[in-house]
Amino acid sequence: MEPLVSFFNINNLQFPGEAALRMLWVSLLSNSMGTVVGKICGWSRYESKLAAKLMLAPVLAIFRSGPLNVHLVLFF
C-alpha cells in the first residue's frame, strides 16, 4: 500500500524548473512579438494619412486598455 501523503524530495525540483523555463520562454516571445507589432503600428500611424490613423486608433486603444481591464477584473 502506498502512503497517502507524498513528501517533497530533491527529484521534485524538475517540475517547477520546467515551468519556470516555459514561462521565461513565453515571456520573451510575447515581448518580442509585441515590440515588433508595436513598432509597425507606430510607424504606420506616423507615416500614413488620416484614414490609416483612424483605422488603427481603435485597435491601439483596445490593446492599451488590456492591462487595465485585467486589473479591473482581478481587483473589483
PDB file of N, CA and C in Angstrom:
ATOM      1  N   MET A   1       0.842  -1.185   0.000  1.00  0.00           N
ATOM      2  CA  MET A   1       0.000   0.000   0.000  1.00  0.00           C
ATOM      3  C   MET A   1       0.886   1.246   0.000  1.00  0.00           C
ATOM      4  N   GLU A   2       0.563   2.193  -0.859  1.00  0.00           N
ATOM      5  CA  GLU A   2       1.348   3.427  -0.958  1.00  0.00           C
ATOM      6  C   GLU A   2       0.929   4.419   0.124  1.00  0.00           C
ATOM      7  N   PRO A   3       1.855   5.284   0.535  1.00  0.00           N
ATOM      8  CA  PRO A   3       1.483   6.279   1.560  1.00  0.00           C
ATOM      9  C   PRO A   3       0.477   7.287   0.995  1.00  0.00           C
ATOM     10  N   LEU A   4      -0.343   7.835   1.876  1.00  0.00           N
ATOM     11  CA  LEU A   4      -1.368   8.793   1.459  1.00  0.00           C
ATOM     12  C   LEU A   4      -0.779  10.174   1.162  1.00  0.00           C
ATOM     13  N   VAL A   5       0.351  10.472   1.760  1.00  0.00           N
ATOM     14  CA  VAL A   5       0.977  11.782   1.600  1.00  0.00           C
ATOM     15  C   VAL A   5       2.304  11.597   0.891  1.00  0.00           C
ATOM     16  N   SER A   6       2.528  12.421  -0.108  1.00  0.00           N
ATOM     17  CA  SER A   6       3.803  12.399  -0.819  1.00  0.00           C
ATOM     18  C   SER A   6       4.624  13.588  -0.341  1.00  0.00           C
ATOM     19  N   PHE A   7       5.799  13.332   0.186  1.00  0.00           N
ATOM     20  CA  PHE A   7       6.628  14.393   0.718  1.00  0.00           C
ATOM     21  C   PHE A   7       7.568  14.935  -0.349  1.00  0.00           C
ATOM     22  N   PHE A   8       8.033  16.147  -0.151  1.00  0.00           N
ATOM     23  CA  PHE A   8       8.935  16.796  -1.097  1.00  0.00           C
ATOM     24  C   PHE A   8      10.312  16.158  -1.024  1.00  0.00           C
ATOM     25  N   ASN A   9      10.899  15.924  -2.193  1.00  0.00           N
ATOM     26  CA  ASN A   9      12.284  15.480  -2.245  1.00  0.00           C
ATOM     27  C   ASN A   9      12.979  16.214  -3.389  1.00  0.00           C
ATOM     28  N   ILE A  10      14.258  16.005  -3.514  1.00  0.00           N
ATOM     29  CA  ILE A  10      15.062  16.764  -4.476  1.00  0.00           C
ATOM     30  C   ILE A  10      14.662  16.454  -5.916  1.00  0.00           C
ATOM     31  N   ASN A  11      14.098  15.302  -6.181  1.00  0.00           N
ATOM     32  CA  ASN A  11      13.675  14.951  -7.538  1.00  0.00           C
ATOM     33  C   ASN A  11      12.473  15.769  -8.004  1.00  0.00           C
ATOM     34  N   ASN A  12      11.733  16.355  -7.075  1.00  0.00           N
ATOM     35  CA  ASN A  12      10.559  17.144  -7.444  1.00  0.00           C
ATOM     36  C   ASN A  12      10.909  18.538  -7.946  1.00  0.00           C
ATOM     37  N   LEU A  13      12.168  18.927  -7.918  1.00  0.00           N
ATOM     38  CA  LEU A  13      12.558  20.251  -8.409  1.00  0.00           C
ATOM     39  C   LEU A  13      12.500  20.346  -9.933  1.00  0.00           C
ATOM     40  N   GLN A  14      12.419  19.244 -10.604  1.00  0.00           N
ATOM     41  CA  GLN A  14      12.374  19.243 -12.059  1.00  0.00           C
ATOM     42  C   GLN A  14      11.110  19.937 -12.571  1.00  0.00           C
ATOM     43  N   PHE A  15       9.976  19.724 -11.948  1.00  0.00           N
ATOM     44  CA  PHE A  15       8.715  20.259 -12.434  1.00  0.00           C
ATOM     45  C   PHE A  15       8.630  21.777 -12.311  1.00  0.00           C
ATOM     46  N   PRO A  16       8.971  22.381 -11.168  1.00  0.00           N
ATOM     47  CA  PRO A  16       8.973  23.851 -11.120  1.00  0.00           C
ATOM     48  C   PRO A  16      10.026  24.454 -12.041  1.00  0.00           C
ATOM     49  N   GLY A  17      11.140  23.752 -12.223  1.00  0.00           N
ATOM     50  CA  GLY A  17      12.171  24.241 -13.139  1.00  0.00           C
ATOM     51  C   GLY A  17      11.673  24.298 -14.571  1.00  0.00           C
ATOM     52  N   GLU A  18      10.970  23.243 -15.001  1.00  0.00           N
ATOM     53  CA  GLU A  18      10.401  23.229 -16.343  1.00  0.00           C
ATOM     54  C   GLU A  18       9.361  24.330 -16.511  1.00  0.00           C
ATOM     55  N   ALA A  19       8.535  24.531 -15.499  1.00  0.00           N
ATOM     56  CA  ALA A  19       7.515  25.580 -15.569  1.00  0.00           C
ATOM     57  C   ALA A  19       8.158  26.960 -15.645  1.00  0.00           C
ATOM     58  N   ALA A  20       9.226  27.173 -14.904  1.00  0.00           N
ATOM     59  CA  ALA A  20       9.909  28.471 -14.939  1.00  0.00           C
ATOM     60  C   ALA A  20      10.536  28.723 -16.306  1.00  0.00           C
ATOM     61  N   LEU A  21      11.134  27.697 -16.894  1.00  0.00           N
ATOM     62  CA  LEU A  21      11.722  27.868 -18.225  1.00  0.00           C
ATOM     63  C   LEU A  21      10.658  28.128 -19.284  1.00  0.00           C
ATOM     64  N   ARG A  22       9.524  27.456 -19.187  1.00  0.00           N
ATOM     65  CA  ARG A  22       8.431  27.717 -20.141  1.00  0.00           C
ATOM     66  C   ARG A  22       7.896  29.130 -19.977  1.00  0.00           C
ATOM     67  N   MET A  23       7.741  29.577 -18.743  1.00  0.00           N
ATOM     68  CA  MET A  23       7.241  30.921 -18.500  1.00  0.00           C
ATOM     69  C   MET A  23       8.217  31.964 -19.044  1.00  0.00           C
ATOM     70  N   LEU A  24       9.501  31.723 -18.864  1.00  0.00           N
ATOM     71  CA  LEU A  24      10.509  32.636 -19.393  1.00  0.00           C
ATOM     72  C   LEU A  24      10.460  32.673 -20.915  1.00  0.00           C
ATOM     73  N   TRP A  25      10.326  31.518 -21.546  1.00  0.00           N
ATOM     74  CA  TRP A  25      10.254  31.442 -22.999  1.00  0.00           C
ATOM     75  C   TRP A  25       9.016  32.179 -23.526  1.00  0.00           C
ATOM     76  N   VAL A  26       7.857  31.955 -22.906  1.00  0.00           N
ATOM     77  CA  VAL A  26       6.628  32.625 -23.347  1.00  0.00           C
ATOM     78  C   VAL A  26       6.738  34.129 -23.135  1.00  0.00           C
ATOM     79  N   SER A  27       7.345  34.557 -22.050  1.00  0.00           N
ATOM     80  CA  SER A  27       7.513  35.986 -21.789  1.00  0.00           C
ATOM     81  C   SER A  27       8.422  36.637 -22.825  1.00  0.00           C
ATOM     82  N   LEU A  28       9.537  36.004 -23.125  1.00  0.00           N
ATOM     83  CA  LEU A  28      10.442  36.557 -24.133  1.00  0.00           C
ATOM     84  C   LEU A  28       9.792  36.603 -25.509  1.00  0.00           C
ATOM     85  N   LEU A  29       9.080  35.559 -25.861  1.00  0.00           N
ATOM     86  CA  LEU A  29       8.425  35.505 -27.155  1.00  0.00           C
ATOM     87  C   LEU A  29       7.322  36.556 -27.276  1.00  0.00           C
ATOM     88  N   SER A  30       6.503  36.696 -26.250  1.00  0.00           N
ATOM     89  CA  SER A  30       5.412  37.671 -26.317  1.00  0.00           C
ATOM     90  C   SER A  30       5.937  39.104 -26.289  1.00  0.00           C
ATOM     91  N   ASN A  31       6.983  39.360 -25.513  1.00  0.00           N
ATOM     92  CA  ASN A  31       7.548  40.716 -25.500  1.00  0.00           C
ATOM     93  C   ASN A  31       8.165  41.078 -26.838  1.00  0.00           C
ATOM     94  N   SER A  32       8.864  40.144 -27.457  1.00  0.00           N
ATOM     95  CA  SER A  32       9.478  40.458 -28.746  1.00  0.00           C
ATOM     96  C   SER A  32       8.422  40.622 -29.832  1.00  0.00           C
ATOM     97  N   MET A  33       7.392  39.780 -29.831  1.00  0.00           N
ATOM     98  CA  MET A  33       6.325  39.930 -30.820  1.00  0.00           C
ATOM     99  C   MET A  33       5.563  41.230 -30.609  1.00  0.00           C
ATOM    100  N   GLY A  34       5.298  41.589 -29.361  1.00  0.00           N
ATOM    101  CA  GLY A  34       4.610  42.838 -29.075  1.00  0.00           C
ATOM    102  C   GLY A  34       5.421  44.051 -29.481  1.00  0.00           C
ATOM    103  N   THR A  35       6.734  43.962 -29.326  1.00  0.00           N
ATOM    104  CA  THR A  35       7.600  45.070 -29.742  1.00  0.00           C
ATOM    105  C   THR A  35       7.558  45.249 -31.250  1.00  0.00           C
ATOM    106  N   VAL A  36       7.628  44.164 -31.987  1.00  0.00           N
ATOM    107  CA  VAL A  36       7.593  44.252 -33.451  1.00  0.00           C
ATOM    108  C   VAL A  36       6.251  44.801 -33.929  1.00  0.00           C
ATOM    109  N   VAL A  37       5.161  44.272 -33.401  1.00  0.00           N
ATOM    110  CA  VAL A  37       3.835  44.746 -33.806  1.00  0.00           C
ATOM    111  C   VAL A  37       3.651  46.210 -33.411  1.00  0.00           C
ATOM    112  N   GLY A  38       4.129  46.589 -32.233  1.00  0.00           N
ATOM    113  CA  GLY A  38       4.014  47.978 -31.789  1.00  0.00           C
ATOM    114  C   GLY A  38       4.805  48.931 -32.662  1.00  0.00           C
ATOM    115  N   LYS A  39       5.990  48.514 -33.065  1.00  0.00           N
ATOM    116  CA  LYS A  39       6.784  49.374 -33.951  1.00  0.00           C
ATOM    117  C   LYS A  39       6.125  49.519 -35.316  1.00  0.00           C
ATOM    118  N   ILE A  40       5.551  48.443 -35.822  1.00  0.00           N
ATOM    119  CA  ILE A  40       4.864  48.515 -37.109  1.00  0.00           C
ATOM    120  C   ILE A  40       3.646  49.437 -37.017  1.00  0.00           C
ATOM    121  N   CYS A  41       2.862  49.292 -35.961  1.00  0.00           N
ATOM    122  CA  CYS A  41       1.685  50.161 -35.796  1.00  0.00           C
ATOM    123  C   CYS A  41       2.101  51.615 -35.601  1.00  0.00           C
ATOM    124  N   GLY A  42       3.126  51.859 -34.806  1.00  0.00           N
ATOM    125  CA  GLY A  42       3.590  53.229 -34.592  1.00  0.00           C
ATOM    126  C   GLY A  42       4.138  53.849 -35.857  1.00  0.00           C
ATOM    127  N   TRP A  43       4.896  53.086 -36.618  1.00  0.00           N
ATOM    128  CA  TRP A  43       5.444  53.600 -37.878  1.00  0.00           C
ATOM    129  C   TRP A  43       4.332  53.898 -38.862  1.00  0.00           C
ATOM    130  N   SER A  44       3.332  53.008 -38.946  1.00  0.00           N
ATOM    131  CA  SER A  44       2.243  53.237 -39.894  1.00  0.00           C
ATOM    132  C   SER A  44       1.384  54.432 -39.489  1.00  0.00           C
ATOM    133  N   ARG A  45       1.213  54.648 -38.195  1.00  0.00           N
ATOM    134  CA  ARG A  45       0.463  55.843 -37.773  1.00  0.00           C
ATOM    135  C   ARG A  45       1.254  57.112 -38.040  1.00  0.00           C
ATOM    136  N   TYR A  46       2.554  57.047 -37.888  1.00  0.00           N
ATOM    137  CA  TYR A  46       3.399  58.219 -38.097  1.00  0.00           C
ATOM    138  C   TYR A  46       3.490  58.575 -39.583  1.00  0.00           C
ATOM    139  N   GLU A  47       3.621  57.577 -40.427  1.00  0.00           N
ATOM    140  CA  GLU A  47       3.870  57.809 -41.846  1.00  0.00           C
ATOM    141  C   GLU A  47       2.602  57.868 -42.700  1.00  0.00           C
ATOM    142  N   SER A  48       1.475  57.481 -42.176  1.00  0.00           N
ATOM    143  CA  SER A  48       0.297  57.322 -43.030  1.00  0.00           C
ATOM    144  C   SER A  48      -0.595  58.554 -43.011  1.00  0.00           C
ATOM    145  N   LYS A  49      -1.597  58.458 -43.828  1.00  0.00           N
ATOM    146  CA  LYS A  49      -2.579  59.533 -43.924  1.00  0.00           C
ATOM    147  C   LYS A  49      -3.633  59.361 -42.843  1.00  0.00           C
ATOM    148  N   LEU A  50      -4.599  60.225 -42.863  1.00  0.00           N
ATOM    149  CA  LEU A  50      -5.621  60.276 -41.825  1.00  0.00           C
ATOM    150  C   LEU A  50      -6.446  58.985 -41.763  1.00  0.00           C
ATOM    151  N   ALA A  51      -6.746  58.387 -42.905  1.00  0.00           N
ATOM    152  CA  ALA A  51      -7.586  57.180 -42.915  1.00  0.00           C
ATOM    153  C   ALA A  51      -6.928  56.038 -42.152  1.00  0.00           C
ATOM    154  N   ALA A  52      -5.633  55.832 -42.353  1.00  0.00           N
ATOM    155  CA  ALA A  52      -4.940  54.756 -41.639  1.00  0.00           C
ATOM    156  C   ALA A  52      -4.858  55.058 -40.155  1.00  0.00           C
ATOM    157  N   LYS A  53      -4.674  56.321 -39.810  1.00  0.00           N
ATOM    158  CA  LYS A  53      -4.638  56.675 -38.383  1.00  0.00           C
ATOM    159  C   LYS A  53      -5.983  56.389 -37.727  1.00  0.00           C
ATOM    160  N   LEU A  54      -7.066  56.708 -38.428  1.00  0.00           N
ATOM    161  CA  LEU A  54      -8.395  56.456 -37.865  1.00  0.00           C
ATOM    162  C   LEU A  54      -8.695  54.964 -37.778  1.00  0.00           C
ATOM    163  N   MET A  55      -8.137  54.168 -38.681  1.00  0.00           N
ATOM    164  CA  MET A  55      -8.358  52.721 -38.623  1.00  0.00           C
ATOM    165  C   MET A  55      -7.554  52.079 -37.500  1.00  0.00           C
ATOM    166  N   LEU A  56      -6.354  52.574 -37.236  1.00  0.00           N
ATOM    167  CA  LEU A  56      -5.509  51.987 -36.195  1.00  0.00           C
ATOM    168  C   LEU A  56      -5.853  52.480 -34.792  1.00  0.00           C
ATOM    169  N   ALA A  57      -6.478  53.618 -34.680  1.00  0.00           N
ATOM    170  CA  ALA A  57      -6.749  54.195 -33.357  1.00  0.00           C
ATOM    171  C   ALA A  57      -7.581  53.277 -32.463  1.00  0.00           C
ATOM    172  N   PRO A  58      -8.696  52.696 -32.934  1.00  0.00           N
ATOM    173  CA  PRO A  58      -9.451  51.798 -32.035  1.00  0.00           C
ATOM    174  C   PRO A  58      -8.669  50.549 -31.633  1.00  0.00           C
ATOM    175  N   VAL A  59      -7.903  49.996 -32.572  1.00  0.00           N
ATOM    176  CA  VAL A  59      -7.128  48.793 -32.261  1.00  0.00           C
ATOM    177  C   VAL A  59      -6.093  49.096 -31.182  1.00  0.00           C
ATOM    178  N   LEU A  60      -5.386  50.203 -31.334  1.00  0.00           N
ATOM    179  CA  LEU A  60      -4.381  50.563 -30.336  1.00  0.00           C
ATOM    180  C   LEU A  60      -5.018  50.903 -28.993  1.00  0.00           C
ATOM    181  N   ALA A  61      -6.187  51.519 -29.011  1.00  0.00           N
ATOM    182  CA  ALA A  61      -6.866  51.830 -27.751  1.00  0.00           C
ATOM    183  C   ALA A  61      -7.260  50.552 -27.020  1.00  0.00           C
ATOM    184  N   ILE A  62      -7.696  49.548 -27.765  1.00  0.00           N
ATOM    185  CA  ILE A  62      -8.079  48.279 -27.136  1.00  0.00           C
ATOM    186  C   ILE A  62      -6.848  47.593 -26.544  1.00  0.00           C
ATOM    187  N   PHE A  63      -5.729  47.571 -27.295  1.00  0.00           N
ATOM    188  CA  PHE A  63      -4.517  46.934 -26.778  1.00  0.00           C
ATOM    189  C   PHE A  63      -3.957  47.689 -25.577  1.00  0.00           C
ATOM    190  N   ARG A  64      -4.067  48.989 -25.587  1.00  0.00           N
ATOM    191  CA  ARG A  64      -3.538  49.753 -24.449  1.00  0.00           C
ATOM    192  C   ARG A  64      -4.381  49.565 -23.201  1.00  0.00           C
ATOM    193  N   SER A  65      -5.681  49.357 -23.374  1.00  0.00           N
ATOM    194  CA  SER A  65      -6.545  49.212 -22.198  1.00  0.00           C
ATOM    195  C   SER A  65      -6.603  47.771 -21.705  1.00  0.00           C
ATOM    196  N   GLY A  66      -5.944  46.837 -22.378  1.00  0.00           N
ATOM    197  CA  GLY A  66      -5.965  45.437 -21.956  1.00  0.00           C
ATOM    198  C   GLY A  66      -5.451  45.214 -20.552  1.00  0.00           C
ATOM    199  N   PRO A  67      -4.257  45.701 -20.206  1.00  0.00           N
ATOM    200  CA  PRO A  67      -3.782  45.511 -18.827  1.00  0.00           C
ATOM    201  C   PRO A  67      -4.692  46.161 -17.787  1.00  0.00           C
ATOM    202  N   LEU A  68      -5.266  47.302 -18.122  1.00  0.00           N
ATOM    203  CA  LEU A  68      -6.191  47.942 -17.193  1.00  0.00           C
ATOM    204  C   LEU A  68      -7.415  47.071 -16.977  1.00  0.00           C
ATOM    205  N   ASN A  69      -7.921  46.465 -18.032  1.00  0.00           N
ATOM    206  CA  ASN A  69      -9.089  45.583 -17.903  1.00  0.00           C
ATOM    207  C   ASN A  69      -8.769  44.377 -17.029  1.00  0.00           C
ATOM    208  N   VAL A  70      -7.584  43.835 -17.146  1.00  0.00           N
ATOM    209  CA  VAL A  70      -7.198  42.697 -16.310  1.00  0.00           C
ATOM    210  C   VAL A  70      -7.168  43.106 -14.838  1.00  0.00           C
ATOM    211  N   HIS A  71      -6.622  44.271 -14.547  1.00  0.00           N
ATOM    212  CA  HIS A  71      -6.593  44.746 -13.160  1.00  0.00           C
ATOM    213  C   HIS A  71      -8.002  44.983 -12.633  1.00  0.00           C
ATOM    214  N   LEU A  72      -8.868  45.521 -13.452  1.00  0.00           N
ATOM    215  CA  LEU A  72     -10.236  45.754 -13.003  1.00  0.00           C
ATOM    216  C   LEU A  72     -10.957  44.440 -12.706  1.00  0.00           C
ATOM    217  N   VAL A  73     -10.731  43.426 -13.514  1.00  0.00           N
ATOM    218  CA  VAL A  73     -11.359  42.134 -13.276  1.00  0.00           C
ATOM    219  C   VAL A  73     -10.793  41.468 -12.030  1.00  0.00           C
ATOM    220  N   LEU A  74      -9.482  41.572 -11.829  1.00  0.00           N
ATOM    221  CA  LEU A  74      -8.869  40.901 -10.691  1.00  0.00           C
ATOM    222  C   LEU A  74      -9.210  41.550  -9.356  1.00  0.00           C
ATOM    223  N   PHE A  75      -9.274  42.857  -9.325  1.00  0.00           N
ATOM    224  CA  PHE A  75      -9.387  43.545  -8.033  1.00  0.00           C
ATOM    225  C   PHE A  75     -10.774  44.098  -7.717  1.00  0.00           C
ATOM    226  N   PHE A  76     -11.708  44.031  -8.660  1.00  0.00           N
ATOM    227  CA  PHE A  76     -13.050  44.558  -8.348  1.00  0.00           C
ATOM    228  C   PHE A  76     -14.129  43.576  -8.629  1.00  0.00           C
TER     229      PHE A  76
END
